[in-house]
Amino acid sequence: MKDSKDTKSADPLKWKVLSSEYISRHPYFTARKDKCETPEGKIVEAYYVVELPTTACAVALTEEGEVLMVRQYRHPLKETLIEIPGGFIDEKESPEVAMKRELLEETGYEFSSVVKVGIIAANPGVLDNYTYLFLAKGGKKVAEQKLDITEELEVEKISLRELKKLFLENKIVQATHNSCVFYALRALGEL
C-alpha cells in the first residue's frame, strides 16, 4: 500500500521525471534511478530512490498500563536494539488493520484501541514511503508470537516512565519509532 500526501499537480516545485530505470526489484527493497528535470530546466541525470512499502509502528500499552517493547537484532547495524512493535502494511490493507496484525504477530497481544497519532516520512530524500504512528491501549495476551523468518523478537514490558526515560536518553535509536514514542507520549499527556 503506497501512501502519498495530497500534492497538487500544479506544484511549482515538482520535478518532471524524464526516465526511470530499476536497479533492484524486491518486495522490501526496490531501487530506481530517475532522470529528472527541475522547474528551472536543470537536468538531474541520476536521482536514486528506494521504494518501500508503507509502514506502521505503535506504542502499545497493556490493560495494566505496561508498555510492550521488543528487542530485535538488526543485521545492518549488527546490534540488538530495543524498539516498539511495527512493520510493513500489506497492499490494500488499512494502516489500522496492519498495526493490529503486526501487534498480534510480534507480541501475541490484541488491543481494545488503536489510534493514529501521526504520520511521517523517515527520509524523503531517498525513501518514498510514509510511516503511520499509533498509540494502542488495552492490550491483552491472546496468542503466541507468529514471526517472519527474519524476526527473532523478545517482548519486554516496561513502565511508561521507563519508556519516557529511554526516549529522552536516546536509547531508542530507530528514528520512526522515536517519532511514534514522541507523539504517543504527547497524546498521553506525558510530554
C-alpha atoms as a PDB file:
ATOM      1  CA  MET A   1       0.000   0.000   0.000  1.00  0.00           C
ATOM      2  CA  LYS A   2       1.684   3.176  -1.146  1.00  0.00           C
ATOM      3  CA  ASP A   3       0.524   6.274   0.612  1.00  0.00           C
ATOM      4  CA  SER A   4       1.014   9.754  -0.648  1.00  0.00           C
ATOM      5  CA  LYS A   5       0.110  13.069   0.812  1.00  0.00           C
ATOM      6  CA  ASP A   6      -2.170  15.180  -1.317  1.00  0.00           C
ATOM      7  CA  THR A   7       0.092  17.018  -3.728  1.00  0.00           C
ATOM      8  CA  LYS A   8      -1.300  19.375  -6.266  1.00  0.00           C
ATOM      9  CA  SER A   9      -0.402  18.591  -9.853  1.00  0.00           C
ATOM     10  CA  ALA A  10       0.319  22.311 -10.253  1.00  0.00           C
ATOM     11  CA  ASP A  11       3.083  22.159  -7.621  1.00  0.00           C
ATOM     12  CA  PRO A  12       5.585  24.764  -8.864  1.00  0.00           C
ATOM     13  CA  LEU A  13       8.498  22.863  -7.266  1.00  0.00           C
ATOM     14  CA  LYS A  14       7.641  19.430  -8.687  1.00  0.00           C
ATOM     15  CA  TRP A  15      10.245  17.794 -10.890  1.00  0.00           C
ATOM     16  CA  LYS A  16       9.359  16.150 -14.192  1.00  0.00           C
ATOM     17  CA  VAL A  17      10.550  12.532 -14.447  1.00  0.00           C
ATOM     18  CA  LEU A  18      12.105  12.031 -17.873  1.00  0.00           C
ATOM     19  CA  SER A  19      13.000   8.365 -17.382  1.00  0.00           C
ATOM     20  CA  SER A  20      13.245   5.673 -14.708  1.00  0.00           C
ATOM     21  CA  GLU A  21      15.475   2.620 -14.579  1.00  0.00           C
ATOM     22  CA  TYR A  22      15.076  -0.082 -11.933  1.00  0.00           C
ATOM     23  CA  ILE A  23      18.293  -1.231 -10.294  1.00  0.00           C
ATOM     24  CA  SER A  24      16.695  -3.717  -7.879  1.00  0.00           C
ATOM     25  CA  ARG A  25      13.175  -5.138  -7.560  1.00  0.00           C
ATOM     26  CA  HIS A  26      12.342  -6.843  -4.290  1.00  0.00           C
ATOM     27  CA  PRO A  27       9.231  -6.536  -2.099  1.00  0.00           C
ATOM     28  CA  TYR A  28      11.263  -4.828   0.641  1.00  0.00           C
ATOM     29  CA  PHE A  29      13.990  -3.174  -1.401  1.00  0.00           C
ATOM     30  CA  THR A  30      13.232  -1.735  -4.783  1.00  0.00           C
ATOM     31  CA  ALA A  31      15.632   0.901  -6.060  1.00  0.00           C
ATOM     32  CA  ARG A  32      15.442   3.009  -9.156  1.00  0.00           C
ATOM     33  CA  LYS A  33      17.415   5.721 -10.902  1.00  0.00           C
ATOM     34  CA  ASP A  34      15.347   8.613 -12.210  1.00  0.00           C
ATOM     35  CA  LYS A  35      16.410  11.214 -14.736  1.00  0.00           C
ATOM     36  CA  CYS A  36      14.555  14.425 -13.863  1.00  0.00           C
ATOM     37  CA  GLU A  37      14.053  17.984 -14.988  1.00  0.00           C
ATOM     38  CA  THR A  38      13.590  20.731 -12.401  1.00  0.00           C
ATOM     39  CA  PRO A  39      11.090  23.575 -12.942  1.00  0.00           C
ATOM     40  CA  GLU A  40      14.053  25.788 -13.890  1.00  0.00           C
ATOM     41  CA  GLY A  41      15.023  23.361 -16.655  1.00  0.00           C
ATOM     42  CA  LYS A  42      18.047  21.818 -14.901  1.00  0.00           C
ATOM     43  CA  ILE A  43      18.544  18.139 -15.806  1.00  0.00           C
ATOM     44  CA  VAL A  44      19.344  15.790 -12.926  1.00  0.00           C
ATOM     45  CA  GLU A  45      20.894  12.787 -14.673  1.00  0.00           C
ATOM     46  CA  ALA A  46      20.728  10.352 -11.749  1.00  0.00           C
ATOM     47  CA  TYR A  47      18.446  10.677  -8.720  1.00  0.00           C
ATOM     48  CA  TYR A  48      18.269   7.440  -6.721  1.00  0.00           C
ATOM     49  CA  VAL A  49      15.040   6.437  -4.991  1.00  0.00           C
ATOM     50  CA  VAL A  50      14.414   3.450  -2.714  1.00  0.00           C
ATOM     51  CA  GLU A  51      10.809   2.274  -2.921  1.00  0.00           C
ATOM     52  CA  LEU A  52       9.475   0.751   0.286  1.00  0.00           C
ATOM     53  CA  PRO A  53       6.006  -0.306   1.376  1.00  0.00           C
ATOM     54  CA  THR A  54       4.205   1.970   3.808  1.00  0.00           C
ATOM     55  CA  THR A  55       4.953   1.032   7.419  1.00  0.00           C
ATOM     56  CA  ALA A  56       3.328   1.374  10.836  1.00  0.00           C
ATOM     57  CA  CYS A  57       4.512   1.258  14.434  1.00  0.00           C
ATOM     58  CA  ALA A  58       2.839   1.651  17.823  1.00  0.00           C
ATOM     59  CA  VAL A  59       3.428   2.438  21.429  1.00  0.00           C
ATOM     60  CA  ALA A  60       1.444  -0.466  22.860  1.00  0.00           C
ATOM     61  CA  LEU A  61       0.001  -0.360  26.387  1.00  0.00           C
ATOM     62  CA  THR A  62      -1.346  -3.466  28.115  1.00  0.00           C
ATOM     63  CA  GLU A  63      -4.545  -3.486  30.190  1.00  0.00           C
ATOM     64  CA  GLU A  64      -2.275  -2.952  33.198  1.00  0.00           C
ATOM     65  CA  GLY A  65      -0.667   0.118  31.618  1.00  0.00           C
ATOM     66  CA  GLU A  66       2.661  -1.522  30.812  1.00  0.00           C
ATOM     67  CA  VAL A  67       4.427  -0.695  27.539  1.00  0.00           C
ATOM     68  CA  LEU A  68       5.314  -3.601  25.242  1.00  0.00           C
ATOM     69  CA  MET A  69       8.799  -3.237  23.779  1.00  0.00           C
ATOM     70  CA  VAL A  70      10.665  -5.645  21.509  1.00  0.00           C
ATOM     71  CA  ARG A  71      14.356  -6.461  21.449  1.00  0.00           C
ATOM     72  CA  GLN A  72      15.498  -7.407  17.985  1.00  0.00           C
ATOM     73  CA  TYR A  73      18.807  -7.999  16.255  1.00  0.00           C
ATOM     74  CA  ARG A  74      19.215  -5.571  13.362  1.00  0.00           C
ATOM     75  CA  HIS A  75      21.691  -7.019  10.903  1.00  0.00           C
ATOM     76  CA  PRO A  76      22.563  -3.786   9.027  1.00  0.00           C
ATOM     77  CA  LEU A  77      23.752  -2.262  12.339  1.00  0.00           C
ATOM     78  CA  LYS A  78      24.963  -5.610  13.728  1.00  0.00           C
ATOM     79  CA  GLU A  79      23.290  -4.729  17.035  1.00  0.00           C
ATOM     80  CA  THR A  80      20.319  -5.779  19.105  1.00  0.00           C
ATOM     81  CA  LEU A  81      18.003  -2.796  19.559  1.00  0.00           C
ATOM     82  CA  ILE A  82      15.084  -2.023  21.813  1.00  0.00           C
ATOM     83  CA  GLU A  83      12.131  -0.934  19.717  1.00  0.00           C
ATOM     84  CA  ILE A  84       8.367  -0.686  19.631  1.00  0.00           C
ATOM     85  CA  PRO A  85       6.308  -3.141  17.558  1.00  0.00           C
ATOM     86  CA  GLY A  86       5.800  -2.339  13.893  1.00  0.00           C
ATOM     87  CA  GLY A  87       6.137  -3.481  10.323  1.00  0.00           C
ATOM     88  CA  PHE A  88       5.064  -3.211   6.711  1.00  0.00           C
ATOM     89  CA  ILE A  89       1.487  -2.545   5.647  1.00  0.00           C
ATOM     90  CA  ASP A  90       0.286  -5.072   3.093  1.00  0.00           C
ATOM     91  CA  GLU A  91      -1.182  -3.892  -0.197  1.00  0.00           C
ATOM     92  CA  LYS A  92      -4.879  -2.954   0.165  1.00  0.00           C
ATOM     93  CA  GLU A  93      -4.596  -3.170   3.988  1.00  0.00           C
ATOM     94  CA  SER A  94      -5.550  -0.124   6.039  1.00  0.00           C
ATOM     95  CA  PRO A  95      -2.875   1.215   8.400  1.00  0.00           C
ATOM     96  CA  GLU A  96      -5.058   0.432  11.451  1.00  0.00           C
ATOM     97  CA  VAL A  97      -5.696  -3.164  10.384  1.00  0.00           C
ATOM     98  CA  ALA A  98      -1.998  -3.622   9.605  1.00  0.00           C
ATOM     99  CA  MET A  99      -0.998  -2.278  13.005  1.00  0.00           C
ATOM    100  CA  LYS A 100      -3.383  -4.623  14.800  1.00  0.00           C
ATOM    101  CA  ARG A 101      -1.985  -7.533  12.757  1.00  0.00           C
ATOM    102  CA  GLU A 102       1.626  -6.569  13.485  1.00  0.00           C
ATOM    103  CA  LEU A 103       0.908  -6.201  17.209  1.00  0.00           C
ATOM    104  CA  LEU A 104      -0.664  -9.654  17.326  1.00  0.00           C
ATOM    105  CA  GLU A 105       2.133 -11.259  15.278  1.00  0.00           C
ATOM    106  CA  GLU A 106       5.015  -9.651  17.177  1.00  0.00           C
ATOM    107  CA  THR A 107       3.645  -9.664  20.732  1.00  0.00           C
ATOM    108  CA  GLY A 108       0.659 -12.028  20.845  1.00  0.00           C
ATOM    109  CA  TYR A 109      -1.489  -9.162  22.191  1.00  0.00           C
ATOM    110  CA  GLU A 110      -4.783  -7.749  20.927  1.00  0.00           C
ATOM    111  CA  PHE A 111      -5.727  -4.168  21.787  1.00  0.00           C
ATOM    112  CA  SER A 112      -9.093  -2.560  22.520  1.00  0.00           C
ATOM    113  CA  SER A 113      -7.973   0.739  20.991  1.00  0.00           C
ATOM    114  CA  VAL A 114      -5.503   1.562  18.206  1.00  0.00           C
ATOM    115  CA  VAL A 115      -5.439   5.296  17.430  1.00  0.00           C
ATOM    116  CA  LYS A 116      -3.320   7.122  14.863  1.00  0.00           C
ATOM    117  CA  VAL A 117      -1.131   9.791  16.470  1.00  0.00           C
ATOM    118  CA  GLY A 118       0.851  10.837  13.399  1.00  0.00           C
ATOM    119  CA  ILE A 119       2.377  10.089  10.025  1.00  0.00           C
ATOM    120  CA  ILE A 120       5.970  10.762   8.968  1.00  0.00           C
ATOM    121  CA  ALA A 121       8.330  10.330   6.033  1.00  0.00           C
ATOM    122  CA  ALA A 122      11.566   8.970   7.518  1.00  0.00           C
ATOM    123  CA  ASN A 123      13.954  10.096   4.787  1.00  0.00           C
ATOM    124  CA  PRO A 124      12.139  11.634   1.801  1.00  0.00           C
ATOM    125  CA  GLY A 125      15.430  12.466   0.099  1.00  0.00           C
ATOM    126  CA  VAL A 126      15.892   8.759  -0.649  1.00  0.00           C
ATOM    127  CA  LEU A 127      12.872   6.765   0.592  1.00  0.00           C
ATOM    128  CA  ASP A 128       9.404   7.049  -0.957  1.00  0.00           C
ATOM    129  CA  ASN A 129       7.302   5.732   1.923  1.00  0.00           C
ATOM    130  CA  TYR A 130       5.397   7.004   4.929  1.00  0.00           C
ATOM    131  CA  THR A 131       5.138   5.510   8.415  1.00  0.00           C
ATOM    132  CA  TYR A 132       1.877   5.635  10.350  1.00  0.00           C
ATOM    133  CA  LEU A 133       2.293   6.153  14.087  1.00  0.00           C
ATOM    134  CA  PHE A 134      -0.160   4.662  16.584  1.00  0.00           C
ATOM    135  CA  LEU A 135      -0.983   4.504  20.267  1.00  0.00           C
ATOM    136  CA  ALA A 136      -2.521   1.149  21.198  1.00  0.00           C
ATOM    137  CA  LYS A 137      -4.260   0.672  24.553  1.00  0.00           C
ATOM    138  CA  GLY A 138      -5.902  -2.170  26.450  1.00  0.00           C
ATOM    139  CA  GLY A 139      -3.564  -4.928  25.307  1.00  0.00           C
ATOM    140  CA  LYS A 140      -4.387  -8.472  26.356  1.00  0.00           C
ATOM    141  CA  LYS A 141      -2.271 -11.563  25.621  1.00  0.00           C
ATOM    142  CA  VAL A 142      -4.330 -13.862  23.376  1.00  0.00           C
ATOM    143  CA  ALA A 143      -1.789 -15.822  21.332  1.00  0.00           C
ATOM    144  CA  GLU A 144       1.833 -16.734  20.852  1.00  0.00           C
ATOM    145  CA  GLN A 145       4.064 -14.748  18.532  1.00  0.00           C
ATOM    146  CA  LYS A 146       3.871 -15.514  14.812  1.00  0.00           C
ATOM    147  CA  LEU A 147       7.137 -14.119  13.476  1.00  0.00           C
ATOM    148  CA  ASP A 148       8.587 -13.756   9.990  1.00  0.00           C
ATOM    149  CA  ILE A 149      11.719 -15.731   9.116  1.00  0.00           C
ATOM    150  CA  THR A 150      13.948 -12.677   9.711  1.00  0.00           C
ATOM    151  CA  GLU A 151      12.382 -11.851  13.090  1.00  0.00           C
ATOM    152  CA  GLU A 152      13.541 -13.065  16.455  1.00  0.00           C
ATOM    153  CA  LEU A 153      11.862 -10.755  18.938  1.00  0.00           C
ATOM    154  CA  GLU A 154      11.950 -10.738  22.699  1.00  0.00           C
ATOM    155  CA  VAL A 155       8.955  -8.931  24.160  1.00  0.00           C
ATOM    156  CA  GLU A 156       9.587  -6.860  27.281  1.00  0.00           C
ATOM    157  CA  LYS A 157       7.171  -4.969  29.492  1.00  0.00           C
ATOM    158  CA  ILE A 158       8.289  -1.626  30.872  1.00  0.00           C
ATOM    159  CA  SER A 159       6.584   1.265  32.616  1.00  0.00           C
ATOM    160  CA  LEU A 160       5.551   4.447  30.848  1.00  0.00           C
ATOM    161  CA  ARG A 161       8.147   6.225  32.974  1.00  0.00           C
ATOM    162  CA  GLU A 162      10.848   3.840  31.665  1.00  0.00           C
ATOM    163  CA  LEU A 163       9.707   4.461  28.072  1.00  0.00           C
ATOM    164  CA  LYS A 164       9.996   8.205  28.578  1.00  0.00           C
ATOM    165  CA  LYS A 165      13.474   7.741  30.097  1.00  0.00           C
ATOM    166  CA  LEU A 166      14.618   5.544  27.166  1.00  0.00           C
ATOM    167  CA  PHE A 167      13.303   8.151  24.750  1.00  0.00           C
ATOM    168  CA  LEU A 168      14.857  11.149  26.491  1.00  0.00           C
ATOM    169  CA  GLU A 169      18.209   9.374  26.925  1.00  0.00           C
ATOM    170  CA  ASN A 170      18.301   8.436  23.203  1.00  0.00           C
ATOM    171  CA  LYS A 171      18.244   4.689  23.927  1.00  0.00           C
ATOM    172  CA  ILE A 172      15.660   4.069  21.200  1.00  0.00           C
ATOM    173  CA  VAL A 173      17.644   4.721  18.033  1.00  0.00           C
ATOM    174  CA  GLN A 174      15.130   3.656  15.383  1.00  0.00           C
ATOM    175  CA  ALA A 175      14.069   7.058  14.008  1.00  0.00           C
ATOM    176  CA  THR A 176      10.464   6.269  13.089  1.00  0.00           C
ATOM    177  CA  HIS A 177       9.969   4.614  16.471  1.00  0.00           C
ATOM    178  CA  ASN A 178      11.294   7.712  18.219  1.00  0.00           C
ATOM    179  CA  SER A 179       8.731   9.814  16.381  1.00  0.00           C
ATOM    180  CA  CYS A 180       5.974   7.428  17.419  1.00  0.00           C
ATOM    181  CA  VAL A 181       7.104   7.479  21.054  1.00  0.00           C
ATOM    182  CA  PHE A 182       7.118  11.283  20.992  1.00  0.00           C
ATOM    183  CA  TYR A 183       3.589  11.588  19.576  1.00  0.00           C
ATOM    184  CA  ALA A 184       2.220   8.815  21.815  1.00  0.00           C
ATOM    185  CA  LEU A 185       3.721  10.381  24.956  1.00  0.00           C
ATOM    186  CA  ARG A 186       2.283  13.717  23.886  1.00  0.00           C
ATOM    187  CA  ALA A 187      -1.153  12.140  23.343  1.00  0.00           C
ATOM    188  CA  LEU A 188      -0.946  10.616  26.834  1.00  0.00           C
ATOM    189  CA  GLY A 189      -0.063  13.992  28.346  1.00  0.00           C
ATOM    190  CA  GLU A 190       3.449  12.812  29.261  1.00  0.00           C
ATOM    191  CA  LEU A 191       5.302  15.484  27.216  1.00  0.00           C
END
